[in-house]
Structures are given as structure tokens and as C-alpha cells.
Amino acid sequence: MTSGAFTQPSCKVVVLISGNGSNLQALIDYPQTHYVISQVISNRSDAYGLQRAELAGISTAVLDHKRFATRESFDEALIRLIDARQPDLVVLAGFMRILSSGFVQHYAGRLLNIHPSLLPLYKGTNTHQRVLDAGDRVHGVSVHFVTEELDGGPVVAQAIIPVFEGDSKETLAQRVATQEHRLYPEVVSWFAAGRLRMFDNGTACLDQLILPAQGVQFNAEQR
């Protein structure tokens, strides 16, 4: 290859959203050469993230879950829509749907999610207030492979922030979001570069090393 030659990204990514799309924007803005976002799909037509994608020249689609009688029928239609793009990776970026087991199994090992807590702590919603109520001294965000367990699956990486005296759920949410926007594109880039994989036994591997239960941990103040 001659100096300055351009190589097309080899990893095609489909991103699923439901709302604002701030993590989508972080994925769009990340300075990398390994992945390309081939489509952004939302279950809500008013999701602002669709505008973010269109401004970036990325194809968008809307699949309204309210048009389907069951979760499974929606997920089957979503699979058909995603697979038309033949992606290497599906990224959940604020996609507010509980996925059926059939969907998760279909994309096993190539489905990533981000969750605003240090998993396995505080699965589900309202994580920032739960951290405050528990009196925890640290909080953070986790990126993990998706399995059938809600907010389960092997953790790939976590960014840890301190909880300060006087913090509210709003201040914690803001500081966690900052770390989400740094961590998620980095992990997606690991996968796209062939460095990150999930094995059939439910463990994650980075650079041919099995990751510990909490994945790669970053102290946000030291990054």
C-alpha cells in the first residue's frame, strides 16, 4: 500500500436508537478507520438521533413497535431490516426495548449495549438515584455483550467515576454520559479491529486474553 492510501472500513455497524442519540453522535464523531455505520434504525419516528444520522449522511429507518401485536413479531421484522444491511455488529445506543430471546440469539457475539452503572450492580433503570440511595462512593458505565439476561452478558469495559458529596442524580447522569461517549466508540472500535470477541461459553476476549468479570476498567480521572 502506498503512503496516504485510503482503506475502506471493513466492519459494518447498524445502530439501534429510540431517542436523543448522544451515544450515536459519539460513534459518528469517533476518529477511527475500522468501522462504518451503515444504518441507524429507531422504533420512534420522533427520535432526534435520526436527524443526527441524516446530517452525517447515514441511512435511517423507522420501525414502529406499536404496529406489531407481539414483541416477537416486532423483533422478527427488525431482524429482517437489520440483516438487509448484512452488518458485522449491532450496537444498542439508547434502544428502549427489551429484546426477545430469538433476537439476542440471532446476533449472539455481535450485539453490544451500554448501561449506566458498574454492572452487575444496578441493572435496569434509575441507576443514578439508586447509587445515591445506597451511599456508593463510585459509579460509572459498562459496555457489555448482550445475552438473554436483562443487562447481562459479559462486560467488556467500565469507566469509573467518583460520587461526590452533594451529587444529584442529574449531576451523576451528566458525568456518566461524558464517559459513555468516550468508552462506547472505543469498544466498538476494538470489535471492528478484530481485537474483541465473545465466545460461546459467554466469556469475552480482548487481544486473545479472557477478560475478568468487570472487563477492562478505566478510572475516569486518569484518562
Protein backbone atom coordinates (compact mmCIF):
# COMPACT_ATOMS: atom_id res chain seq x y z
CA MET A 1 0.00 0.00 0.00
CA THR A 2 1.37 3.41 -0.91
CA SER A 3 1.68 6.17 1.65
CA GLY A 4 -1.58 8.03 2.11
CA ALA A 5 -3.71 5.28 0.55
CA PHE A 6 -7.23 5.04 1.91
CA THR A 7 -8.68 1.78 3.15
CA GLN A 8 -12.44 1.39 3.45
CA PRO A 9 -13.63 0.37 6.94
CA SER A 10 -14.25 -3.36 6.95
CA CYS A 11 -16.75 -3.59 9.84
CA LYS A 12 -20.34 -2.62 9.02
CA VAL A 13 -22.35 -1.45 12.02
CA VAL A 14 -26.10 -0.97 12.45
CA VAL A 15 -27.08 1.25 15.38
CA LEU A 16 -30.46 0.98 17.13
CA ILE A 17 -31.85 4.03 18.92
CA SER A 18 -35.06 5.31 20.49
CA GLY A 19 -34.28 8.89 21.44
CA ASN A 20 -31.72 11.67 21.53
CA GLY A 21 -28.86 9.64 20.11
CA SER A 22 -25.95 11.19 22.01
CA ASN A 23 -24.07 7.89 22.02
CA LEU A 24 -24.79 7.58 18.31
CA GLN A 25 -23.20 11.01 17.83
CA ALA A 26 -20.13 9.83 19.75
CA LEU A 27 -19.88 6.82 17.43
CA ILE A 28 -20.20 9.09 14.39
CA ASP A 29 -17.55 11.52 15.65
CA TYR A 30 -15.00 8.96 16.81
CA PRO A 31 -11.73 9.31 14.84
CA GLN A 32 -11.22 5.75 13.66
CA THR A 33 -10.82 3.77 10.46
CA HIS A 34 -12.20 0.35 11.39
CA TYR A 35 -16.00 0.67 11.28
CA VAL A 36 -18.65 2.35 9.20
CA ILE A 37 -22.22 2.93 10.38
CA SER A 38 -24.31 1.60 7.52
CA GLN A 39 -27.73 2.37 9.02
CA VAL A 40 -29.47 3.82 12.07
CA ILE A 41 -32.83 2.28 13.00
CA SER A 42 -35.32 3.68 15.51
CA ASN A 43 -38.58 2.37 16.89
CA ARG A 44 -39.73 6.00 17.24
CA SER A 45 -40.16 8.36 14.32
CA ASP A 46 -39.54 11.42 16.52
CA ALA A 47 -36.14 10.22 17.79
CA TYR A 48 -33.67 13.09 17.46
CA GLY A 49 -30.93 10.59 16.74
CA LEU A 50 -32.45 10.12 13.28
CA GLN A 51 -31.62 13.73 12.49
CA ARG A 52 -28.07 13.20 13.73
CA ALA A 53 -27.70 10.28 11.34
CA GLU A 54 -29.16 12.16 8.39
CA LEU A 55 -26.82 15.12 8.99
CA ALA A 56 -23.93 12.64 8.86
CA GLY A 57 -25.18 11.14 5.61
CA ILE A 58 -26.16 7.82 7.21
CA SER A 59 -29.19 5.85 6.02
CA THR A 60 -32.08 5.74 8.52
CA ALA A 61 -35.18 3.63 9.02
CA VAL A 62 -38.12 3.65 11.42
CA LEU A 63 -39.88 0.50 12.61
CA ASP A 64 -42.74 1.41 14.95
CA HIS A 65 -43.14 -1.30 17.58
CA LYS A 66 -46.75 -0.24 18.16
CA ARG A 67 -47.66 -1.67 14.76
CA PHE A 68 -46.89 -5.19 15.96
CA ALA A 69 -49.06 -7.41 18.13
CA THR A 70 -46.19 -9.10 19.96
CA ARG A 71 -42.60 -8.43 20.93
CA GLU A 72 -41.53 -11.43 18.88
CA SER A 73 -43.22 -10.23 15.68
CA PHE A 74 -41.58 -6.80 16.03
CA ASP A 75 -38.18 -8.39 16.61
CA GLU A 76 -38.60 -10.66 13.59
CA ALA A 77 -39.31 -7.63 11.41
CA LEU A 78 -36.37 -5.81 12.96
CA ILE A 79 -34.07 -8.74 12.17
CA ARG A 80 -35.13 -8.64 8.53
CA LEU A 81 -34.48 -4.90 8.38
CA ILE A 82 -31.06 -5.21 10.02
CA ASP A 83 -29.98 -8.24 8.01
CA ALA A 84 -30.70 -6.43 4.75
CA ARG A 85 -27.58 -4.39 5.63
CA GLN A 86 -25.50 -7.52 6.37
CA PRO A 87 -23.84 -5.92 9.42
CA ASP A 88 -20.90 -7.33 11.32
CA LEU A 89 -22.07 -5.68 14.55
CA VAL A 90 -25.33 -4.35 16.00
CA VAL A 91 -24.98 -1.57 18.57
CA LEU A 92 -27.73 -0.61 21.03
CA ALA A 93 -27.48 3.12 21.71
CA GLY A 94 -30.44 4.03 23.89
CA PHE A 95 -32.74 1.50 22.26
CA MET A 96 -35.58 1.31 24.77
CA ARG A 97 -36.85 -2.15 24.03
CA ILE A 98 -36.48 -5.44 25.87
CA LEU A 99 -35.26 -7.82 23.19
CA SER A 100 -36.67 -11.30 22.68
CA SER A 101 -34.51 -14.35 23.12
CA GLY A 102 -34.76 -15.07 19.39
CA PHE A 103 -33.32 -11.65 18.54
CA VAL A 104 -30.48 -11.97 21.03
CA GLN A 105 -29.60 -15.47 19.84
CA HIS A 106 -29.63 -14.35 16.22
CA TYR A 107 -26.95 -11.72 16.94
CA ALA A 108 -25.05 -13.60 19.64
CA GLY A 109 -21.47 -12.38 19.83
CA ARG A 110 -22.14 -9.34 17.67
CA LEU A 111 -24.57 -7.32 19.79
CA LEU A 112 -23.27 -4.63 22.17
CA ASN A 113 -25.04 -2.47 24.75
CA ILE A 114 -24.06 0.33 27.11
CA HIS A 115 -25.52 0.62 30.61
CA PRO A 116 -25.14 3.48 33.13
CA SER A 117 -23.85 1.51 36.11
CA LEU A 118 -20.95 -0.66 37.13
CA LEU A 119 -22.51 -3.99 36.25
CA PRO A 120 -23.53 -6.32 37.76
CA LEU A 121 -24.71 -3.54 40.09
CA TYR A 122 -27.97 -1.72 39.33
CA LYS A 123 -29.40 -3.47 36.34
CA GLY A 124 -32.50 -1.82 34.92
CA THR A 125 -33.50 1.82 35.22
CA ASN A 126 -33.00 4.78 37.58
CA THR A 127 -29.39 3.78 38.23
CA HIS A 128 -28.12 7.20 39.33
CA GLN A 129 -30.70 7.61 42.09
CA ARG A 130 -30.14 4.04 43.25
CA VAL A 131 -26.40 4.74 43.58
CA LEU A 132 -27.15 7.81 45.70
CA ASP A 133 -29.69 5.95 47.84
CA ALA A 134 -27.13 3.21 48.52
CA GLY A 135 -24.46 5.72 49.53
CA ASP A 136 -21.98 4.35 46.99
CA ARG A 137 -18.68 6.19 46.61
CA VAL A 138 -18.16 5.22 42.97
CA HIS A 139 -20.41 4.96 39.95
CA GLY A 140 -19.86 4.54 36.24
CA VAL A 141 -20.80 2.95 32.96
CA SER A 142 -20.41 -0.53 31.45
CA VAL A 143 -20.25 -1.77 27.87
CA HIS A 144 -21.22 -5.41 27.51
CA PHE A 145 -22.16 -8.08 25.02
CA VAL A 146 -25.91 -8.73 25.11
CA THR A 147 -27.31 -12.06 26.25
CA GLU A 148 -30.85 -13.07 27.15
CA GLU A 149 -30.39 -11.80 30.71
CA LEU A 150 -31.50 -8.17 31.11
CA ASP A 151 -28.35 -6.01 31.27
CA GLY A 152 -26.42 -9.26 31.44
CA GLY A 153 -23.77 -10.69 29.21
CA PRO A 154 -20.02 -10.43 29.61
CA VAL A 155 -18.76 -6.96 30.48
CA VAL A 156 -16.13 -5.64 28.08
CA ALA A 157 -15.17 -2.35 29.74
CA GLN A 158 -16.16 0.02 32.52
CA ALA A 159 -15.39 3.67 33.21
CA ILE A 160 -15.46 4.55 36.91
CA ILE A 161 -16.28 7.97 38.35
CA PRO A 162 -16.29 9.10 41.99
CA VAL A 163 -19.54 10.08 43.69
CA PHE A 164 -19.05 13.48 45.28
CA GLU A 165 -20.79 14.89 48.33
CA GLY A 166 -23.66 16.96 47.01
CA ASP A 167 -24.05 14.98 43.81
CA SER A 168 -27.59 14.66 42.49
CA LYS A 169 -28.94 12.14 40.01
CA GLU A 170 -28.70 14.91 37.40
CA THR A 171 -25.02 15.65 38.02
CA LEU A 172 -24.21 11.95 38.08
CA ALA A 173 -26.11 11.39 34.83
CA GLN A 174 -24.17 14.19 33.15
CA ARG A 175 -20.77 12.90 34.26
CA VAL A 176 -21.63 9.30 33.39
CA ALA A 177 -22.81 10.40 29.94
CA THR A 178 -19.43 12.04 29.32
CA GLN A 179 -17.76 8.70 29.99
CA GLU A 180 -20.29 6.83 27.84
CA HIS A 181 -19.35 9.00 24.88
CA ARG A 182 -15.68 8.18 25.37
CA LEU A 183 -15.97 4.48 26.17
CA TYR A 184 -18.57 3.19 23.70
CA PRO A 185 -16.82 4.17 20.45
CA GLU A 186 -13.56 2.78 21.80
CA VAL A 187 -15.10 -0.63 22.50
CA VAL A 188 -16.87 -0.68 19.12
CA SER A 189 -13.52 0.09 17.50
CA TRP A 190 -11.93 -2.85 19.39
CA PHE A 191 -14.55 -5.17 17.91
CA ALA A 192 -14.22 -3.67 14.45
CA ALA A 193 -10.45 -4.13 14.50
CA GLY A 194 -10.83 -7.82 15.32
CA ARG A 195 -9.47 -7.40 18.85
CA LEU A 196 -12.71 -8.17 20.73
CA ARG A 197 -14.87 -11.30 20.59
CA MET A 198 -17.39 -13.22 22.70
CA PHE A 199 -17.04 -16.99 22.96
CA ASP A 200 -19.90 -19.48 23.00
CA ASN A 201 -19.30 -20.08 26.73
CA GLY A 202 -20.26 -16.47 27.47
CA THR A 203 -16.81 -15.02 28.09
CA ALA A 204 -15.31 -12.02 26.35
CA CYS A 205 -11.81 -11.93 24.93
CA LEU A 206 -9.69 -8.85 24.12
CA ASP A 207 -6.38 -9.22 22.32
CA GLN A 208 -6.60 -13.02 22.84
CA LEU A 209 -6.92 -12.63 26.63
CA ILE A 210 -10.04 -13.63 28.57
CA LEU A 211 -11.48 -10.55 30.27
CA PRO A 212 -12.28 -10.54 34.01
CA ALA A 213 -15.88 -10.19 35.21
CA GLN A 214 -15.74 -6.36 35.19
CA GLY A 215 -13.89 -6.20 31.86
CA VAL A 216 -11.25 -3.54 31.27
CA GLN A 217 -11.67 -0.87 33.95
CA PHE A 218 -10.75 2.77 33.45
CA ASN A 219 -10.54 5.33 36.19
CA ALA A 220 -12.16 8.31 34.50
CA GLU A 221 -9.98 10.82 36.37
CA GLN A 222 -6.85 9.17 34.99
CA ARG A 223 -7.87 9.06 31.31
